[in-house]
């Protein structure tokens, strides 16, 4: 009996795998279709300045919240020169 409600007792947090963290990081960039490899700089995905970095961190936090995780945006490494893999690792290591 599934009602697709987040309040349902059957809903559990998915495991925060490196793959899930990478997917969250990439899909919250302005240009996720530009993603090619984890070593790629976020700047290539549209996180090019302080304003985009702020939005990227907020969107990652909001995405995590939907799957019942919490993270302080100050603990997310993001910015034009930050790699997707470094950002993903900061999400995995700091989300609870």
PDB file of N, CA and C in Angstrom:
ATOM      1  N   UNK A   1       0.843  -1.187   0.000  1.00  0.00           N
ATOM      2  CA  UNK A   1       0.000   0.000   0.000  1.00  0.00           C
ATOM      3  C   UNK A   1       0.885   1.246   0.000  1.00  0.00           C
ATOM      4  N   UNK A   2       1.036   1.847  -1.153  1.00  0.00           N
ATOM      5  CA  UNK A   2       1.881   3.028  -1.273  1.00  0.00           C
ATOM      6  C   UNK A   2       1.030   4.219  -1.673  1.00  0.00           C
ATOM      7  N   UNK A   3       1.162   5.285  -0.915  1.00  0.00           N
ATOM      8  CA  UNK A   3       0.416   6.492  -1.262  1.00  0.00           C
ATOM      9  C   UNK A   3       1.352   7.610  -1.704  1.00  0.00           C
ATOM     10  N   UNK A   4       2.631   7.281  -1.882  1.00  0.00           N
ATOM     11  CA  UNK A   4       3.654   8.225  -2.333  1.00  0.00           C
ATOM     12  C   UNK A   4       3.749   9.474  -1.461  1.00  0.00           C
ATOM     13  N   UNK A   5       3.397   9.361  -0.233  1.00  0.00           N
ATOM     14  CA  UNK A   5       3.458  10.491   0.683  1.00  0.00           C
ATOM     15  C   UNK A   5       4.760  10.444   1.475  1.00  0.00           C
ATOM     16  N   UNK A   6       5.471  11.594   1.542  1.00  0.00           N
ATOM     17  CA  UNK A   6       6.703  11.612   2.355  1.00  0.00           C
ATOM     18  C   UNK A   6       6.423  11.315   3.819  1.00  0.00           C
ATOM     19  N   UNK A   7       5.183  11.504   4.260  1.00  0.00           N
ATOM     20  CA  UNK A   7       4.836  11.232   5.650  1.00  0.00           C
ATOM     21  C   UNK A   7       4.618   9.745   5.894  1.00  0.00           C
ATOM     22  N   UNK A   8       4.589   8.958   4.828  1.00  0.00           N
ATOM     23  CA  UNK A   8       4.362   7.522   4.968  1.00  0.00           C
ATOM     24  C   UNK A   8       5.479   6.856   5.735  1.00  0.00           C
ATOM     25  N   UNK A   9       5.133   5.895   6.574  1.00  0.00           N
ATOM     26  CA  UNK A   9       6.116   5.219   7.412  1.00  0.00           C
ATOM     27  C   UNK A   9       7.119   4.421   6.588  1.00  0.00           C
ATOM     28  N   UNK A  10       6.742   4.039   5.386  1.00  0.00           N
ATOM     29  CA  UNK A  10       7.622   3.223   4.551  1.00  0.00           C
ATOM     30  C   UNK A  10       8.731   4.044   3.909  1.00  0.00           C
ATOM     31  N   UNK A  11       8.617   5.366   3.912  1.00  0.00           N
ATOM     32  CA  UNK A  11       9.619   6.205   3.255  1.00  0.00           C
ATOM     33  C   UNK A  11      10.868   6.288   4.114  1.00  0.00           C
ATOM     34  N   UNK A  12      11.964   5.846   3.561  1.00  0.00           N
ATOM     35  CA  UNK A  12      13.236   5.914   4.275  1.00  0.00           C
ATOM     36  C   UNK A  12      14.233   6.706   3.450  1.00  0.00           C
ATOM     37  N   UNK A  13      15.235   7.245   4.148  1.00  0.00           N
ATOM     38  CA  UNK A  13      16.287   7.964   3.442  1.00  0.00           C
ATOM     39  C   UNK A  13      17.047   6.987   2.553  1.00  0.00           C
ATOM     40  N   UNK A  14      17.279   7.360   1.300  1.00  0.00           N
ATOM     41  CA  UNK A  14      18.110   6.500   0.467  1.00  0.00           C
ATOM     42  C   UNK A  14      19.561   6.586   0.940  1.00  0.00           C
ATOM     43  N   UNK A  15      20.359   5.549   0.709  1.00  0.00           N
ATOM     44  CA  UNK A  15      21.774   5.640   1.086  1.00  0.00           C
ATOM     45  C   UNK A  15      22.435   6.779   0.314  1.00  0.00           C
ATOM     46  N   UNK A  16      23.257   7.541   1.000  1.00  0.00           N
ATOM     47  CA  UNK A  16      23.938   8.679   0.383  1.00  0.00           C
ATOM     48  C   UNK A  16      25.229   8.184  -0.271  1.00  0.00           C
ATOM     49  N   UNK A  17      25.096   7.572  -1.418  1.00  0.00           N
ATOM     50  CA  UNK A  17      26.230   7.001  -2.145  1.00  0.00           C
ATOM     51  C   UNK A  17      26.979   8.087  -2.904  1.00  0.00           C
ATOM     52  N   UNK A  18      28.220   7.810  -3.295  1.00  0.00           N
ATOM     53  CA  UNK A  18      28.950   8.779  -4.132  1.00  0.00           C
ATOM     54  C   UNK A  18      28.188   9.096  -5.424  1.00  0.00           C
ATOM     55  N   UNK A  19      27.524   8.090  -5.990  1.00  0.00           N
ATOM     56  CA  UNK A  19      26.782   8.292  -7.232  1.00  0.00           C
ATOM     57  C   UNK A  19      25.597   9.232  -7.032  1.00  0.00           C
ATOM     58  N   UNK A  20      24.877   9.059  -5.918  1.00  0.00           N
ATOM     59  CA  UNK A  20      23.742   9.932  -5.634  1.00  0.00           C
ATOM     60  C   UNK A  20      24.224  11.358  -5.384  1.00  0.00           C
ATOM     61  N   UNK A  21      25.296  11.502  -4.625  1.00  0.00           N
ATOM     62  CA  UNK A  21      25.831  12.839  -4.342  1.00  0.00           C
ATOM     63  C   UNK A  21      26.254  13.530  -5.631  1.00  0.00           C
ATOM     64  N   UNK A  22      26.914  12.793  -6.514  1.00  0.00           N
ATOM     65  CA  UNK A  22      27.332  13.369  -7.791  1.00  0.00           C
ATOM     66  C   UNK A  22      26.109  13.784  -8.609  1.00  0.00           C
ATOM     67  N   UNK A  23      25.089  12.953  -8.642  1.00  0.00           N
ATOM     68  CA  UNK A  23      23.869  13.280  -9.397  1.00  0.00           C
ATOM     69  C   UNK A  23      23.222  14.552  -8.855  1.00  0.00           C
ATOM     70  N   UNK A  24      23.181  14.689  -7.526  1.00  0.00           N
ATOM     71  CA  UNK A  24      22.599  15.883  -6.897  1.00  0.00           C
ATOM     72  C   UNK A  24      23.418  17.120  -7.253  1.00  0.00           C
ATOM     73  N   UNK A  25      24.731  17.011  -7.157  1.00  0.00           N
ATOM     74  CA  UNK A  25      25.613  18.137  -7.476  1.00  0.00           C
ATOM     75  C   UNK A  25      25.425  18.568  -8.924  1.00  0.00           C
ATOM     76  N   UNK A  26      25.432  17.618  -9.840  1.00  0.00           N
ATOM     77  CA  UNK A  26      25.354  17.937 -11.271  1.00  0.00           C
ATOM     78  C   UNK A  26      23.984  18.496 -11.639  1.00  0.00           C
ATOM     79  N   UNK A  27      22.913  17.852 -11.176  1.00  0.00           N
ATOM     80  CA  UNK A  27      21.584  18.308 -11.607  1.00  0.00           C
ATOM     81  C   UNK A  27      21.218  19.678 -11.062  1.00  0.00           C
ATOM     82  N   UNK A  28      21.930  20.166 -10.060  1.00  0.00           N
ATOM     83  CA  UNK A  28      21.658  21.487  -9.511  1.00  0.00           C
ATOM     84  C   UNK A  28      22.575  22.576 -10.056  1.00  0.00           C
ATOM     85  N   UNK A  29      23.346  22.242 -11.082  1.00  0.00           N
ATOM     86  CA  UNK A  29      24.141  23.262 -11.766  1.00  0.00           C
ATOM     87  C   UNK A  29      23.283  23.889 -12.859  1.00  0.00           C
ATOM     88  N   UNK A  30      23.654  25.086 -13.326  1.00  0.00           N
ATOM     89  CA  UNK A  30      22.891  25.712 -14.413  1.00  0.00           C
ATOM     90  C   UNK A  30      22.947  24.935 -15.738  1.00  0.00           C
ATOM     91  N   UNK A  31      24.016  24.188 -15.956  1.00  0.00           N
ATOM     92  CA  UNK A  31      24.186  23.483 -17.234  1.00  0.00           C
ATOM     93  C   UNK A  31      24.551  22.007 -17.017  1.00  0.00           C
ATOM     94  N   UNK A  32      23.639  21.218 -16.446  1.00  0.00           N
ATOM     95  CA  UNK A  32      23.964  19.819 -16.138  1.00  0.00           C
ATOM     96  C   UNK A  32      24.314  18.978 -17.373  1.00  0.00           C
ATOM     97  N   UNK A  33      23.815  19.371 -18.531  1.00  0.00           N
ATOM     98  CA  UNK A  33      24.110  18.598 -19.750  1.00  0.00           C
ATOM     99  C   UNK A  33      25.570  18.712 -20.180  1.00  0.00           C
ATOM    100  N   UNK A  34      26.287  19.671 -19.607  1.00  0.00           N
ATOM    101  CA  UNK A  34      27.713  19.823 -19.926  1.00  0.00           C
ATOM    102  C   UNK A  34      28.594  18.837 -19.164  1.00  0.00           C
ATOM    103  N   UNK A  35      27.997  18.071 -18.232  1.00  0.00           N
ATOM    104  CA  UNK A  35      28.787  17.148 -17.414  1.00  0.00           C
ATOM    105  C   UNK A  35      29.371  16.020 -18.246  1.00  0.00           C
ATOM    106  N   UNK A  36      30.689  15.809 -18.074  1.00  0.00           N
ATOM    107  CA  UNK A  36      31.384  14.729 -18.779  1.00  0.00           C
ATOM    108  C   UNK A  36      32.103  13.784 -17.827  1.00  0.00           C
ATOM    109  N   UNK A  37      32.720  14.333 -16.770  1.00  0.00           N
ATOM    110  CA  UNK A  37      33.511  13.499 -15.863  1.00  0.00           C
ATOM    111  C   UNK A  37      33.598  14.158 -14.487  1.00  0.00           C
ATOM    112  N   UNK A  38      33.812  13.355 -13.442  1.00  0.00           N
ATOM    113  CA  UNK A  38      33.853  13.880 -12.071  1.00  0.00           C
ATOM    114  C   UNK A  38      34.963  14.909 -11.819  1.00  0.00           C
ATOM    115  N   UNK A  39      36.037  14.850 -12.595  1.00  0.00           N
ATOM    116  CA  UNK A  39      37.150  15.784 -12.385  1.00  0.00           C
ATOM    117  C   UNK A  39      36.857  17.168 -12.961  1.00  0.00           C
ATOM    118  N   UNK A  40      35.766  17.296 -13.671  1.00  0.00           N
ATOM    119  CA  UNK A  40      35.388  18.536 -14.334  1.00  0.00           C
ATOM    120  C   UNK A  40      35.111  19.646 -13.329  1.00  0.00           C
ATOM    121  N   UNK A  41      35.526  20.872 -13.655  1.00  0.00           N
ATOM    122  CA  UNK A  41      35.265  22.024 -12.797  1.00  0.00           C
ATOM    123  C   UNK A  41      33.804  22.440 -12.911  1.00  0.00           C
ATOM    124  N   UNK A  42      33.234  22.845 -11.789  1.00  0.00           N
ATOM    125  CA  UNK A  42      31.841  23.289 -11.775  1.00  0.00           C
ATOM    126  C   UNK A  42      31.616  24.496 -12.682  1.00  0.00           C
ATOM    127  N   UNK A  43      32.669  25.266 -12.916  1.00  0.00           N
ATOM    128  CA  UNK A  43      32.556  26.410 -13.830  1.00  0.00           C
ATOM    129  C   UNK A  43      32.096  25.992 -15.215  1.00  0.00           C
ATOM    130  N   UNK A  44      32.497  24.790 -15.642  1.00  0.00           N
ATOM    131  CA  UNK A  44      32.081  24.289 -16.954  1.00  0.00           C
ATOM    132  C   UNK A  44      30.599  23.925 -16.981  1.00  0.00           C
ATOM    133  N   UNK A  45      30.013  23.798 -15.792  1.00  0.00           N
ATOM    134  CA  UNK A  45      28.595  23.470 -15.685  1.00  0.00           C
ATOM    135  C   UNK A  45      27.767  24.703 -15.314  1.00  0.00           C
ATOM    136  N   UNK A  46      28.392  25.871 -15.399  1.00  0.00           N
ATOM    137  CA  UNK A  46      27.664  27.117 -15.183  1.00  0.00           C
ATOM    138  C   UNK A  46      27.782  27.756 -13.822  1.00  0.00           C
ATOM    139  N   UNK A  47      28.523  27.131 -12.907  1.00  0.00           N
ATOM    140  CA  UNK A  47      28.733  27.737 -11.581  1.00  0.00           C
ATOM    141  C   UNK A  47      29.961  28.644 -11.729  1.00  0.00           C
ATOM    142  N   UNK A  48      29.704  29.877 -12.222  1.00  0.00           N
ATOM    143  CA  UNK A  48      30.809  30.724 -12.662  1.00  0.00           C
ATOM    144  C   UNK A  48      31.159  31.885 -11.739  1.00  0.00           C
ATOM    145  N   UNK A  49      30.281  32.196 -10.778  1.00  0.00           N
ATOM    146  CA  UNK A  49      30.560  33.345  -9.916  1.00  0.00           C
ATOM    147  C   UNK A  49      29.938  33.114  -8.530  1.00  0.00           C
ATOM    148  N   UNK A  50      30.103  34.112  -7.668  1.00  0.00           N
ATOM    149  CA  UNK A  50      29.624  33.983  -6.285  1.00  0.00           C
ATOM    150  C   UNK A  50      28.112  33.792  -6.223  1.00  0.00           C
ATOM    151  N   UNK A  51      27.380  34.469  -7.086  1.00  0.00           N
ATOM    152  CA  UNK A  51      25.922  34.338  -7.068  1.00  0.00           C
ATOM    153  C   UNK A  51      25.498  32.926  -7.483  1.00  0.00           C
ATOM    154  N   UNK A  52      26.104  32.390  -8.551  1.00  0.00           N
ATOM    155  CA  UNK A  52      25.787  31.028  -8.982  1.00  0.00           C
ATOM    156  C   UNK A  52      26.200  30.010  -7.921  1.00  0.00           C
ATOM    157  N   UNK A  53      27.314  30.253  -7.244  1.00  0.00           N
ATOM    158  CA  UNK A  53      27.765  29.359  -6.175  1.00  0.00           C
ATOM    159  C   UNK A  53      26.733  29.324  -5.054  1.00  0.00           C
ATOM    160  N   UNK A  54      26.217  30.496  -4.690  1.00  0.00           N
ATOM    161  CA  UNK A  54      25.201  30.580  -3.631  1.00  0.00           C
ATOM    162  C   UNK A  54      23.947  29.791  -4.025  1.00  0.00           C
ATOM    163  N   UNK A  55      23.488  29.968  -5.260  1.00  0.00           N
ATOM    164  CA  UNK A  55      22.310  29.241  -5.729  1.00  0.00           C
ATOM    165  C   UNK A  55      22.571  27.741  -5.787  1.00  0.00           C
ATOM    166  N   UNK A  56      23.770  27.357  -6.232  1.00  0.00           N
ATOM    167  CA  UNK A  56      24.127  25.939  -6.334  1.00  0.00           C
ATOM    168  C   UNK A  56      24.052  25.276  -4.959  1.00  0.00           C
ATOM    169  N   UNK A  57      24.644  25.917  -3.957  1.00  0.00           N
ATOM    170  CA  UNK A  57      24.630  25.368  -2.597  1.00  0.00           C
ATOM    171  C   UNK A  57      23.201  25.269  -2.057  1.00  0.00           C
ATOM    172  N   UNK A  58      22.403  26.315  -2.260  1.00  0.00           N
ATOM    173  CA  UNK A  58      21.015  26.312  -1.788  1.00  0.00           C
ATOM    174  C   UNK A  58      20.222  25.201  -2.467  1.00  0.00           C
ATOM    175  N   UNK A  59      20.414  25.050  -3.772  1.00  0.00           N
ATOM    176  CA  UNK A  59      19.670  24.023  -4.504  1.00  0.00           C
ATOM    177  C   UNK A  59      20.083  22.617  -4.079  1.00  0.00           C
ATOM    178  N   UNK A  60      21.363  22.416  -3.796  1.00  0.00           N
ATOM    179  CA  UNK A  60      21.817  21.116  -3.277  1.00  0.00           C
ATOM    180  C   UNK A  60      21.160  20.850  -1.927  1.00  0.00           C
ATOM    181  N   UNK A  61      21.174  21.852  -1.057  1.00  0.00           N
ATOM    182  CA  UNK A  61      20.545  21.703   0.263  1.00  0.00           C
ATOM    183  C   UNK A  61      19.065  21.348   0.126  1.00  0.00           C
ATOM    184  N   UNK A  62      18.356  22.049  -0.760  1.00  0.00           N
ATOM    185  CA  UNK A  62      16.923  21.798  -0.951  1.00  0.00           C
ATOM    186  C   UNK A  62      16.680  20.404  -1.531  1.00  0.00           C
ATOM    187  N   UNK A  63      17.541  19.979  -2.445  1.00  0.00           N
ATOM    188  CA  UNK A  63      17.425  18.646  -3.046  1.00  0.00           C
ATOM    189  C   UNK A  63      17.614  17.577  -1.968  1.00  0.00           C
ATOM    190  N   UNK A  64      18.612  17.759  -1.113  1.00  0.00           N
ATOM    191  CA  UNK A  64      18.858  16.813  -0.021  1.00  0.00           C
ATOM    192  C   UNK A  64      17.683  16.780   0.954  1.00  0.00           C
ATOM    193  N   UNK A  65      17.110  17.940   1.209  1.00  0.00           N
ATOM    194  CA  UNK A  65      15.979  18.021   2.138  1.00  0.00           C
ATOM    195  C   UNK A  65      14.809  17.157   1.644  1.00  0.00           C
ATOM    196  N   UNK A  66      14.595  17.132   0.326  1.00  0.00           N
ATOM    197  CA  UNK A  66      13.501  16.327  -0.238  1.00  0.00           C
ATOM    198  C   UNK A  66      13.687  14.837   0.044  1.00  0.00           C
ATOM    199  N   UNK A  67      14.940  14.403   0.205  1.00  0.00           N
ATOM    200  CA  UNK A  67      15.188  12.984   0.503  1.00  0.00           C
ATOM    201  C   UNK A  67      15.595  12.794   1.972  1.00  0.00           C
ATOM    202  N   UNK A  68      15.228  13.791   2.786  1.00  0.00           N
ATOM    203  CA  UNK A  68      15.334  13.729   4.250  1.00  0.00           C
ATOM    204  C   UNK A  68      16.749  13.843   4.809  1.00  0.00           C
ATOM    205  N   UNK A  69      17.614  14.530   4.094  1.00  0.00           N
ATOM    206  CA  UNK A  69      18.957  14.821   4.606  1.00  0.00           C
ATOM    207  C   UNK A  69      19.057  16.310   4.902  1.00  0.00           C
ATOM    208  N   UNK A  70      19.968  16.632   5.803  1.00  0.00           N
ATOM    209  CA  UNK A  70      20.237  18.028   6.147  1.00  0.00           C
ATOM    210  C   UNK A  70      21.715  18.305   5.898  1.00  0.00           C
ATOM    211  N   UNK A  71      21.995  19.546   5.484  1.00  0.00           N
ATOM    212  CA  UNK A  71      23.388  19.966   5.317  1.00  0.00           C
ATOM    213  C   UNK A  71      23.453  21.481   5.470  1.00  0.00           C
ATOM    214  N   UNK A  72      24.502  21.952   6.096  1.00  0.00           N
ATOM    215  CA  UNK A  72      24.765  23.388   6.197  1.00  0.00           C
ATOM    216  C   UNK A  72      25.446  23.793   4.888  1.00  0.00           C
ATOM    217  N   UNK A  73      24.899  24.807   4.221  1.00  0.00           N
ATOM    218  CA  UNK A  73      25.478  25.209   2.936  1.00  0.00           C
ATOM    219  C   UNK A  73      26.946  25.628   3.064  1.00  0.00           C
ATOM    220  N   UNK A  74      27.366  26.043   4.255  1.00  0.00           N
ATOM    221  CA  UNK A  74      28.772  26.405   4.462  1.00  0.00           C
ATOM    222  C   UNK A  74      29.699  25.194   4.344  1.00  0.00           C
ATOM    223  N   UNK A  75      29.133  23.988   4.451  1.00  0.00           N
ATOM    224  CA  UNK A  75      29.936  22.767   4.360  1.00  0.00           C
ATOM    225  C   UNK A  75      29.973  22.183   2.949  1.00  0.00           C
ATOM    226  N   UNK A  76      29.332  22.853   2.003  1.00  0.00           N
ATOM    227  CA  UNK A  76      29.340  22.390   0.610  1.00  0.00           C
ATOM    228  C   UNK A  76      30.427  23.147  -0.139  1.00  0.00           C
ATOM    229  N   UNK A  77      31.374  22.405  -0.702  1.00  0.00           N
ATOM    230  CA  UNK A  77      32.419  23.027  -1.528  1.00  0.00           C
ATOM    231  C   UNK A  77      31.846  23.247  -2.918  1.00  0.00           C
ATOM    232  N   UNK A  78      31.760  24.493  -3.325  1.00  0.00           N
ATOM    233  CA  UNK A  78      31.245  24.826  -4.646  1.00  0.00           C
ATOM    234  C   UNK A  78      31.948  26.079  -5.136  1.00  0.00           C
ATOM    235  N   UNK A  79      31.975  26.248  -6.432  1.00  0.00           N
ATOM    236  CA  UNK A  79      32.603  27.411  -7.045  1.00  0.00           C
ATOM    237  C   UNK A  79      33.158  27.020  -8.401  1.00  0.00           C
ATOM    238  N   UNK A  80      33.502  28.012  -9.193  1.00  0.00           N
ATOM    239  CA  UNK A  80      33.948  27.780 -10.568  1.00  0.00           C
ATOM    240  C   UNK A  80      35.134  26.830 -10.659  1.00  0.00           C
ATOM    241  N   UNK A  81      36.075  26.915  -9.722  1.00  0.00           N
ATOM    242  CA  UNK A  81      37.292  26.099  -9.790  1.00  0.00           C
ATOM    243  C   UNK A  81      37.175  24.769  -9.051  1.00  0.00           C
ATOM    244  N   UNK A  82      36.062  24.533  -8.366  1.00  0.00           N
ATOM    245  CA  UNK A  82      35.869  23.296  -7.594  1.00  0.00           C
ATOM    246  C   UNK A  82      35.424  22.183  -8.545  1.00  0.00           C
ATOM    247  N   UNK A  83      36.013  21.004  -8.385  1.00  0.00           N
ATOM    248  CA  UNK A  83      35.617  19.882  -9.248  1.00  0.00           C
ATOM    249  C   UNK A  83      34.296  19.285  -8.778  1.00  0.00           C
ATOM    250  N   UNK A  84      33.601  18.640  -9.695  1.00  0.00           N
ATOM    251  CA  UNK A  84      32.365  17.938  -9.349  1.00  0.00           C
ATOM    252  C   UNK A  84      32.645  16.930  -8.239  1.00  0.00           C
ATOM    253  N   UNK A  85      33.756  16.208  -8.346  1.00  0.00           N
ATOM    254  CA  UNK A  85      34.054  15.173  -7.340  1.00  0.00           C
ATOM    255  C   UNK A  85      34.324  15.782  -5.966  1.00  0.00           C
ATOM    256  N   UNK A  86      34.998  16.929  -5.897  1.00  0.00           N
ATOM    257  CA  UNK A  86      35.237  17.571  -4.595  1.00  0.00           C
ATOM    258  C   UNK A  86      33.924  18.074  -3.984  1.00  0.00           C
ATOM    259  N   UNK A  87      33.066  18.624  -4.817  1.00  0.00           N
ATOM    260  CA  UNK A  87      31.765  19.082  -4.338  1.00  0.00           C
ATOM    261  C   UNK A  87      30.945  17.888  -3.855  1.00  0.00           C
ATOM    262  N   UNK A  88      30.931  16.811  -4.642  1.00  0.00           N
ATOM    263  CA  UNK A  88      30.184  15.610  -4.271  1.00  0.00           C
ATOM    264  C   UNK A  88      30.675  15.038  -2.942  1.00  0.00           C
ATOM    265  N   UNK A  89      31.987  15.007  -2.763  1.00  0.00           N
ATOM    266  CA  UNK A  89      32.560  14.478  -1.517  1.00  0.00           C
ATOM    267  C   UNK A  89      32.154  15.352  -0.331  1.00  0.00           C
ATOM    268  N   UNK A  90      32.116  16.680  -0.520  1.00  0.00           N
ATOM    269  CA  UNK A  90      31.717  17.544   0.586  1.00  0.00           C
ATOM    270  C   UNK A  90      30.258  17.311   0.966  1.00  0.00           C
ATOM    271  N   UNK A  91      29.430  16.995  -0.033  1.00  0.00           N
ATOM    272  CA  UNK A  91      28.027  16.684   0.242  1.00  0.00           C
ATOM    273  C   UNK A  91      27.934  15.356   1.003  1.00  0.00           C
ATOM    274  N   UNK A  92      28.616  14.346   0.512  1.00  0.00           N
ATOM    275  CA  UNK A  92      28.551  13.039   1.157  1.00  0.00           C
ATOM    276  C   UNK A  92      29.094  13.076   2.586  1.00  0.00           C
ATOM    277  N   UNK A  93      30.161  13.824   2.795  1.00  0.00           N
ATOM    278  CA  UNK A  93      30.804  13.858   4.117  1.00  0.00           C
ATOM    279  C   UNK A  93      30.079  14.732   5.136  1.00  0.00           C
ATOM    280  N   UNK A  94      29.183  15.608   4.679  1.00  0.00           N
ATOM    281  CA  UNK A  94      28.569  16.564   5.608  1.00  0.00           C
ATOM    282  C   UNK A  94      27.052  16.467   5.736  1.00  0.00           C
ATOM    283  N   UNK A  95      26.400  15.734   4.876  1.00  0.00           N
ATOM    284  CA  UNK A  95      24.951  15.581   4.977  1.00  0.00           C
ATOM    285  C   UNK A  95      24.608  14.565   6.051  1.00  0.00           C
ATOM    286  N   UNK A  96      23.576  14.849   6.800  1.00  0.00           N
ATOM    287  CA  UNK A  96      23.140  13.935   7.859  1.00  0.00           C
ATOM    288  C   UNK A  96      21.649  13.650   7.746  1.00  0.00           C
TER     289      UNK A  96
END
